[in-house]
N, C-alpha and C. Protein backbone atom coordinates (compact mmCIF):
# COMPACT_ATOMS: atom_id res chain seq x y z
N MET A 1 28.22 -15.47 11.75
CA MET A 1 27.46 -16.45 12.50
C MET A 1 25.99 -16.07 12.44
N GLU A 2 25.17 -16.97 11.99
CA GLU A 2 23.75 -16.71 11.82
C GLU A 2 22.98 -17.07 13.10
N GLN A 3 22.05 -16.18 13.46
CA GLN A 3 21.26 -16.42 14.66
C GLN A 3 20.10 -17.35 14.33
N LYS A 4 19.73 -18.16 15.32
CA LYS A 4 18.58 -19.04 15.15
C LYS A 4 17.31 -18.22 15.34
N PRO A 5 16.25 -18.55 14.61
CA PRO A 5 14.99 -17.85 14.81
C PRO A 5 14.45 -18.11 16.22
N ILE A 6 13.73 -17.13 16.75
CA ILE A 6 13.20 -17.22 18.10
C ILE A 6 12.02 -18.19 18.13
N ASP A 7 11.86 -18.88 19.24
CA ASP A 7 10.71 -19.76 19.43
C ASP A 7 9.45 -18.88 19.54
N LEU A 8 8.45 -19.15 18.71
CA LEU A 8 7.25 -18.31 18.66
C LEU A 8 6.48 -18.33 19.96
N GLU A 9 6.35 -19.50 20.59
CA GLU A 9 5.63 -19.59 21.86
C GLU A 9 6.34 -18.78 22.94
N LYS A 10 7.66 -18.84 22.95
CA LYS A 10 8.43 -18.08 23.93
C LYS A 10 8.28 -16.58 23.69
N ALA A 11 8.26 -16.16 22.44
CA ALA A 11 8.10 -14.74 22.12
C ALA A 11 6.75 -14.22 22.61
N VAL A 12 5.69 -15.00 22.40
CA VAL A 12 4.36 -14.60 22.88
C VAL A 12 4.34 -14.56 24.39
N ARG A 13 4.89 -15.57 25.02
CA ARG A 13 4.92 -15.64 26.49
C ARG A 13 5.70 -14.47 27.08
N ASP A 14 6.85 -14.15 26.50
CA ASP A 14 7.68 -13.06 27.01
C ASP A 14 6.97 -11.72 26.89
N MET A 15 6.34 -11.45 25.74
CA MET A 15 5.65 -10.17 25.56
C MET A 15 4.44 -10.07 26.48
N ALA A 16 3.68 -11.15 26.62
CA ALA A 16 2.52 -11.14 27.50
C ALA A 16 2.94 -10.93 28.96
N ASN A 17 4.01 -11.59 29.39
CA ASN A 17 4.50 -11.41 30.76
C ASN A 17 4.98 -9.98 30.99
N LEU A 18 5.65 -9.40 30.01
CA LEU A 18 6.14 -8.03 30.16
C LEU A 18 4.97 -7.06 30.32
N LEU A 19 3.96 -7.18 29.47
CA LEU A 19 2.82 -6.27 29.57
C LEU A 19 2.05 -6.47 30.88
N ARG A 20 1.95 -7.71 31.35
CA ARG A 20 1.29 -7.95 32.64
C ARG A 20 2.11 -7.35 33.79
N GLN A 21 3.43 -7.43 33.72
CA GLN A 21 4.27 -6.83 34.75
C GLN A 21 4.08 -5.33 34.82
N TYR A 22 3.84 -4.70 33.69
CA TYR A 22 3.61 -3.25 33.65
C TYR A 22 2.16 -2.88 33.95
N GLY A 23 1.30 -3.85 34.22
CA GLY A 23 -0.05 -3.58 34.67
C GLY A 23 -1.11 -3.58 33.60
N TYR A 24 -0.80 -3.97 32.38
CA TYR A 24 -1.78 -4.00 31.30
C TYR A 24 -2.43 -5.39 31.28
N ARG A 25 -3.67 -5.46 31.80
CA ARG A 25 -4.31 -6.76 31.96
C ARG A 25 -5.70 -6.85 31.35
N ASN A 26 -6.18 -5.80 30.74
CA ASN A 26 -7.54 -5.80 30.19
C ASN A 26 -7.60 -6.56 28.88
N SER A 27 -8.72 -6.45 28.21
CA SER A 27 -8.89 -7.04 26.89
C SER A 27 -8.04 -6.26 25.88
N PHE A 28 -7.54 -6.95 24.89
CA PHE A 28 -6.66 -6.34 23.89
C PHE A 28 -7.26 -6.49 22.50
N THR A 29 -6.86 -5.58 21.62
CA THR A 29 -7.27 -5.62 20.21
C THR A 29 -6.05 -5.39 19.34
N ILE A 30 -5.85 -6.25 18.36
CA ILE A 30 -4.76 -6.09 17.41
C ILE A 30 -5.36 -5.70 16.06
N THR A 31 -4.83 -4.63 15.48
CA THR A 31 -5.21 -4.24 14.12
C THR A 31 -3.94 -4.19 13.27
N MET A 32 -4.10 -4.60 12.04
CA MET A 32 -2.98 -4.57 11.10
C MET A 32 -3.35 -3.62 9.97
N PRO A 33 -2.96 -2.35 10.09
CA PRO A 33 -3.32 -1.40 9.04
C PRO A 33 -2.69 -1.79 7.70
N LYS A 34 -3.38 -1.48 6.64
CA LYS A 34 -2.90 -1.71 5.27
C LYS A 34 -2.76 -3.19 4.90
N SER A 35 -3.36 -4.09 5.68
CA SER A 35 -3.23 -5.50 5.33
C SER A 35 -4.57 -6.12 4.95
N GLY A 36 -5.67 -5.48 5.31
CA GLY A 36 -6.98 -6.03 5.01
C GLY A 36 -7.40 -7.14 5.95
N GLN A 37 -6.62 -7.38 6.99
CA GLN A 37 -6.95 -8.40 7.97
C GLN A 37 -7.97 -7.87 8.97
N PRO A 38 -8.85 -8.72 9.49
CA PRO A 38 -9.80 -8.27 10.52
C PRO A 38 -9.06 -8.04 11.84
N LYS A 39 -9.73 -7.32 12.75
CA LYS A 39 -9.16 -7.10 14.08
C LYS A 39 -9.23 -8.39 14.89
N PHE A 40 -8.25 -8.57 15.76
CA PHE A 40 -8.25 -9.68 16.70
C PHE A 40 -8.50 -9.10 18.08
N THR A 41 -9.52 -9.58 18.77
CA THR A 41 -9.86 -9.06 20.10
C THR A 41 -9.91 -10.22 21.08
N GLY A 42 -9.43 -9.97 22.30
CA GLY A 42 -9.49 -11.00 23.34
C GLY A 42 -8.33 -10.87 24.30
N LYS A 43 -7.95 -12.01 24.87
CA LYS A 43 -6.82 -12.03 25.80
C LYS A 43 -5.53 -11.83 25.02
N LEU A 44 -4.53 -11.32 25.71
CA LEU A 44 -3.27 -10.95 25.05
C LEU A 44 -2.60 -12.12 24.37
N ASN A 45 -2.47 -13.25 25.05
CA ASN A 45 -1.80 -14.41 24.44
C ASN A 45 -2.53 -14.86 23.18
N ASP A 46 -3.87 -14.87 23.24
CA ASP A 46 -4.65 -15.29 22.07
C ASP A 46 -4.45 -14.33 20.90
N CYS A 47 -4.47 -13.03 21.18
CA CYS A 47 -4.29 -12.04 20.12
C CYS A 47 -2.92 -12.17 19.46
N LEU A 48 -1.88 -12.31 20.26
CA LEU A 48 -0.53 -12.42 19.70
C LEU A 48 -0.37 -13.71 18.89
N ASN A 49 -0.94 -14.80 19.40
CA ASN A 49 -0.87 -16.06 18.65
C ASN A 49 -1.63 -15.97 17.33
N ARG A 50 -2.80 -15.32 17.34
CA ARG A 50 -3.57 -15.17 16.11
C ARG A 50 -2.84 -14.26 15.12
N TYR A 51 -2.15 -13.23 15.64
CA TYR A 51 -1.36 -12.37 14.75
C TYR A 51 -0.24 -13.18 14.09
N LEU A 52 0.47 -13.98 14.88
CA LEU A 52 1.56 -14.78 14.31
C LEU A 52 1.02 -15.79 13.31
N ALA A 53 -0.12 -16.40 13.60
CA ALA A 53 -0.71 -17.36 12.66
C ALA A 53 -1.08 -16.67 11.34
N ALA A 54 -1.65 -15.47 11.45
CA ALA A 54 -2.01 -14.73 10.23
C ALA A 54 -0.76 -14.30 9.47
N THR A 55 0.29 -13.95 10.17
CA THR A 55 1.54 -13.54 9.53
C THR A 55 2.17 -14.71 8.79
N ILE A 56 2.19 -15.87 9.43
CA ILE A 56 2.79 -17.05 8.81
C ILE A 56 1.92 -17.53 7.64
N LYS A 57 0.61 -17.54 7.86
CA LYS A 57 -0.32 -18.05 6.83
C LYS A 57 -0.32 -17.17 5.59
N ARG A 58 -0.36 -15.87 5.79
CA ARG A 58 -0.45 -14.94 4.66
C ARG A 58 0.92 -14.47 4.19
N GLU A 59 1.96 -14.85 4.93
CA GLU A 59 3.31 -14.43 4.57
C GLU A 59 3.42 -12.91 4.52
N LEU A 60 2.79 -12.24 5.51
CA LEU A 60 2.89 -10.78 5.58
C LEU A 60 4.30 -10.40 5.99
N SER A 61 4.74 -9.26 5.52
CA SER A 61 6.07 -8.82 5.90
C SER A 61 6.03 -8.35 7.35
N SER A 62 6.99 -8.75 8.13
CA SER A 62 7.01 -8.38 9.54
C SER A 62 7.35 -6.90 9.73
N SER A 63 7.92 -6.27 8.70
CA SER A 63 8.24 -4.86 8.82
C SER A 63 6.99 -3.98 8.75
N GLN A 64 5.87 -4.59 8.33
CA GLN A 64 4.63 -3.84 8.22
C GLN A 64 4.12 -3.41 9.60
N GLY A 65 4.27 -4.22 10.59
CA GLY A 65 3.88 -3.88 11.95
C GLY A 65 2.39 -4.00 12.19
N PHE A 66 2.02 -3.76 13.45
CA PHE A 66 0.63 -3.83 13.86
C PHE A 66 0.43 -2.95 15.08
N GLU A 67 -0.83 -2.74 15.44
CA GLU A 67 -1.17 -1.92 16.60
C GLU A 67 -1.91 -2.77 17.62
N LEU A 68 -1.49 -2.66 18.86
CA LEU A 68 -2.12 -3.36 19.98
C LEU A 68 -2.77 -2.32 20.87
N GLU A 69 -4.07 -2.44 21.11
CA GLU A 69 -4.80 -1.46 21.91
C GLU A 69 -5.39 -2.10 23.15
N THR A 70 -5.43 -1.33 24.23
CA THR A 70 -6.08 -1.74 25.47
C THR A 70 -6.47 -0.49 26.25
N TRP A 71 -7.28 -0.67 27.26
CA TRP A 71 -7.71 0.44 28.12
C TRP A 71 -6.83 0.51 29.35
N ALA A 72 -6.78 1.69 29.96
CA ALA A 72 -6.10 1.83 31.25
C ALA A 72 -6.87 0.99 32.28
N PRO A 73 -6.20 0.48 33.30
CA PRO A 73 -6.87 -0.45 34.22
C PRO A 73 -8.05 0.15 34.99
N TYR A 74 -8.01 1.43 35.32
CA TYR A 74 -9.07 2.00 36.14
C TYR A 74 -9.86 3.08 35.44
N SER A 75 -9.67 3.26 34.16
CA SER A 75 -10.38 4.32 33.45
C SER A 75 -10.66 3.89 32.01
N ARG A 76 -11.93 3.88 31.63
CA ARG A 76 -12.29 3.56 30.26
C ARG A 76 -12.17 4.79 29.35
N ASN A 77 -11.71 5.92 29.91
CA ASN A 77 -11.49 7.12 29.11
C ASN A 77 -10.07 7.18 28.55
N ILE A 78 -9.19 6.30 29.01
CA ILE A 78 -7.79 6.33 28.59
C ILE A 78 -7.49 5.08 27.76
N LEU A 79 -7.09 5.30 26.52
CA LEU A 79 -6.77 4.23 25.59
C LEU A 79 -5.26 4.18 25.39
N CYS A 80 -4.70 2.98 25.43
CA CYS A 80 -3.26 2.78 25.19
C CYS A 80 -3.12 2.08 23.85
N ARG A 81 -2.29 2.64 22.99
CA ARG A 81 -2.06 2.05 21.67
C ARG A 81 -0.56 1.82 21.51
N PHE A 82 -0.18 0.56 21.34
CA PHE A 82 1.22 0.18 21.16
C PHE A 82 1.44 -0.09 19.68
N HIS A 83 2.41 0.58 19.07
CA HIS A 83 2.80 0.32 17.68
C HIS A 83 3.97 -0.66 17.73
N MET A 84 3.75 -1.86 17.20
CA MET A 84 4.71 -2.94 17.38
C MET A 84 5.01 -3.62 16.05
N ASP A 85 6.04 -4.45 16.07
CA ASP A 85 6.28 -5.38 14.98
C ASP A 85 6.94 -6.63 15.56
N PHE A 86 7.10 -7.63 14.71
CA PHE A 86 7.68 -8.89 15.13
C PHE A 86 8.92 -9.17 14.31
N ASP A 87 10.02 -9.44 15.00
CA ASP A 87 11.28 -9.77 14.35
C ASP A 87 11.57 -11.24 14.62
N LYS A 88 12.02 -11.97 13.61
CA LYS A 88 12.24 -13.41 13.77
C LYS A 88 13.41 -13.75 14.69
N GLN A 89 14.30 -12.79 14.92
CA GLN A 89 15.41 -13.04 15.83
C GLN A 89 15.16 -12.49 17.23
N GLU A 90 14.45 -11.36 17.35
CA GLU A 90 14.30 -10.69 18.64
C GLU A 90 12.91 -10.84 19.26
N GLY A 91 11.90 -11.18 18.49
CA GLY A 91 10.55 -11.30 19.01
C GLY A 91 9.77 -10.01 18.81
N PHE A 92 8.83 -9.75 19.71
CA PHE A 92 7.98 -8.57 19.60
C PHE A 92 8.73 -7.34 20.08
N LYS A 93 8.57 -6.24 19.37
CA LYS A 93 9.26 -4.99 19.70
C LYS A 93 8.24 -3.86 19.65
N VAL A 94 8.17 -3.06 20.73
CA VAL A 94 7.31 -1.88 20.78
C VAL A 94 8.13 -0.69 20.33
N HIS A 95 7.69 0.00 19.27
CA HIS A 95 8.40 1.17 18.76
C HIS A 95 7.84 2.47 19.33
N LYS A 96 6.53 2.51 19.46
CA LYS A 96 5.88 3.75 19.89
C LYS A 96 4.66 3.38 20.71
N MET A 97 4.38 4.19 21.73
CA MET A 97 3.19 4.00 22.55
C MET A 97 2.44 5.32 22.62
N GLU A 98 1.15 5.28 22.36
CA GLU A 98 0.29 6.46 22.48
C GLU A 98 -0.67 6.24 23.62
N VAL A 99 -0.80 7.25 24.47
CA VAL A 99 -1.77 7.23 25.55
C VAL A 99 -2.76 8.34 25.24
N ILE A 100 -4.02 7.97 25.02
CA ILE A 100 -5.03 8.90 24.54
C ILE A 100 -6.15 9.03 25.57
N ASN A 101 -6.42 10.27 25.98
CA ASN A 101 -7.57 10.55 26.85
C ASN A 101 -8.74 10.87 25.94
N LEU A 102 -9.69 9.98 25.85
CA LEU A 102 -10.81 10.15 24.92
C LEU A 102 -11.76 11.26 25.35
N LYS A 103 -11.79 11.54 26.64
CA LYS A 103 -12.70 12.57 27.15
C LYS A 103 -12.22 13.97 26.79
N ASP A 104 -10.94 14.23 26.98
CA ASP A 104 -10.38 15.57 26.74
C ASP A 104 -9.66 15.68 25.40
N LYS A 105 -9.55 14.57 24.66
CA LYS A 105 -8.86 14.54 23.36
C LYS A 105 -7.39 14.93 23.47
N LEU A 106 -6.75 14.55 24.57
CA LEU A 106 -5.32 14.79 24.76
C LEU A 106 -4.55 13.50 24.48
N THR A 107 -3.34 13.65 23.93
CA THR A 107 -2.54 12.48 23.60
C THR A 107 -1.10 12.69 24.07
N HIS A 108 -0.54 11.63 24.63
CA HIS A 108 0.89 11.59 24.95
C HIS A 108 1.50 10.47 24.11
N GLU A 109 2.66 10.75 23.54
CA GLU A 109 3.32 9.78 22.68
C GLU A 109 4.71 9.49 23.23
N PHE A 110 5.07 8.22 23.27
CA PHE A 110 6.37 7.78 23.76
C PHE A 110 7.04 6.98 22.66
N ARG A 111 8.22 7.39 22.24
CA ARG A 111 9.03 6.62 21.30
C ARG A 111 10.00 5.79 22.14
N LEU A 112 9.97 4.50 21.93
CA LEU A 112 10.71 3.59 22.79
C LEU A 112 11.87 2.94 22.05
N ARG A 113 13.03 2.87 22.70
CA ARG A 113 14.16 2.14 22.14
C ARG A 113 14.15 0.70 22.61
N SER A 114 13.54 0.47 23.77
CA SER A 114 13.47 -0.86 24.35
C SER A 114 12.06 -1.08 24.90
N ASN A 115 11.63 -2.31 24.96
CA ASN A 115 10.31 -2.61 25.51
C ASN A 115 10.21 -2.23 26.98
N ARG A 116 11.32 -2.20 27.67
CA ARG A 116 11.33 -1.89 29.10
C ARG A 116 11.12 -0.40 29.39
N GLU A 117 11.10 0.46 28.38
CA GLU A 117 10.93 1.90 28.59
C GLU A 117 9.48 2.35 28.66
N MET A 118 8.53 1.47 28.41
CA MET A 118 7.13 1.89 28.40
C MET A 118 6.65 2.22 29.82
N PRO A 119 5.75 3.21 29.95
CA PRO A 119 5.26 3.57 31.28
C PRO A 119 4.30 2.50 31.81
N GLY A 120 4.27 2.38 33.12
CA GLY A 120 3.37 1.42 33.76
C GLY A 120 1.93 1.88 33.67
N ALA A 121 1.02 0.94 33.74
CA ALA A 121 -0.41 1.25 33.60
C ALA A 121 -0.93 2.11 34.75
N GLN A 122 -0.30 2.03 35.91
CA GLN A 122 -0.77 2.80 37.06
C GLN A 122 -0.45 4.29 36.93
N THR A 123 0.48 4.64 36.06
CA THR A 123 0.88 6.04 35.91
C THR A 123 0.08 6.78 34.84
N LEU A 124 -0.77 6.09 34.11
CA LEU A 124 -1.45 6.70 32.97
C LEU A 124 -2.43 7.80 33.36
N GLU A 125 -3.20 7.59 34.43
CA GLU A 125 -4.19 8.60 34.82
C GLU A 125 -3.52 9.90 35.27
N GLY A 126 -2.33 9.82 35.84
CA GLY A 126 -1.63 11.01 36.29
C GLY A 126 -1.05 11.85 35.16
N MET A 127 -1.07 11.35 33.94
CA MET A 127 -0.54 12.10 32.80
C MET A 127 -1.50 13.20 32.33
N PHE A 128 -2.74 13.11 32.73
CA PHE A 128 -3.74 14.06 32.25
C PHE A 128 -4.25 14.88 33.43
N PRO A 129 -4.28 16.20 33.28
CA PRO A 129 -4.70 17.06 34.40
C PRO A 129 -6.17 16.85 34.74
N LYS A 130 -6.43 16.87 36.02
CA LYS A 130 -7.81 16.77 36.48
C LYS A 130 -8.38 18.18 36.63
N PRO A 131 -9.67 18.38 36.33
CA PRO A 131 -10.24 19.72 36.48
C PRO A 131 -10.26 20.15 37.95
N LYS A 132 -9.94 21.41 38.18
CA LYS A 132 -9.95 21.94 39.54
C LYS A 132 -11.38 22.32 39.92
N SER A 133 -11.64 22.35 41.18
CA SER A 133 -13.00 22.64 41.64
C SER A 133 -13.39 24.09 41.35
N TRP A 134 -12.42 24.96 41.11
CA TRP A 134 -12.72 26.37 40.85
C TRP A 134 -12.65 26.72 39.37
N ASP A 135 -12.46 25.75 38.50
CA ASP A 135 -12.37 26.03 37.06
C ASP A 135 -13.65 26.65 36.50
N PHE A 136 -14.80 26.35 37.10
CA PHE A 136 -16.05 26.91 36.57
C PHE A 136 -16.07 28.43 36.72
N LEU A 137 -15.32 28.98 37.68
CA LEU A 137 -15.29 30.44 37.85
C LEU A 137 -14.51 31.11 36.73
N LYS A 138 -13.47 30.45 36.24
CA LYS A 138 -12.66 31.01 35.16
C LYS A 138 -13.45 31.11 33.86
N LYS A 139 -14.39 30.24 33.69
CA LYS A 139 -15.14 30.20 32.44
C LYS A 139 -16.33 31.18 32.45
N GLY A 140 -16.47 31.94 33.52
CA GLY A 140 -17.55 32.91 33.59
C GLY A 140 -18.85 32.35 34.12
N LYS A 141 -18.85 31.12 34.53
CA LYS A 141 -20.08 30.54 35.07
C LYS A 141 -20.17 30.88 36.56
N ARG A 142 -21.32 31.28 36.98
CA ARG A 142 -21.53 31.63 38.39
C ARG A 142 -22.50 30.64 39.02
N ARG A 143 -22.30 30.42 40.29
CA ARG A 143 -23.24 29.57 41.01
C ARG A 143 -24.54 30.32 41.27
N PRO A 144 -25.66 29.64 41.28
CA PRO A 144 -26.94 30.33 41.54
C PRO A 144 -27.06 30.80 42.98
C-alpha cells in the first residue's frame, strides 16, 4: 500500500508550530550546504516555504538536507543549529541539533530520533556554566 505525499502547507505549519511550542520564536536562517543556493532569512514559515519552493524548482534531492539556525530567546551568545531534511511522506525531520555558545566556544550536540526530543529554548542558557564570582582568584589575578 503506497502512502500519499504529505500536504506541503501542513508540513510547514506543523514544523513551525512545533518549534514555537518549544520556544524558538526569533528570526531564522536556512542554509543548504553543497547546493549553491543562497541563505533564506526571515520568519520560520517564510523560510520553510522558500526552502520547499527551491527544492521543487531545482529538483534538489531531499536526502541532501539543510540547516536551520536561530538564536536563543534571551541570549545572542547562544546559537541553535538544527540539521534537518524533508521527506515527502513524513514532512520535516530534525536529525541533529547543535547548541553553540559563541562567547565560550562550547558546543552541545543532540542526536534526535524524533522531533519531540529537542530541548526547549528556555533550557539552553542552563547548559553552559556561568563564571563564579571567585574565578578571578584562581587565575592569579588579585584585586587592587
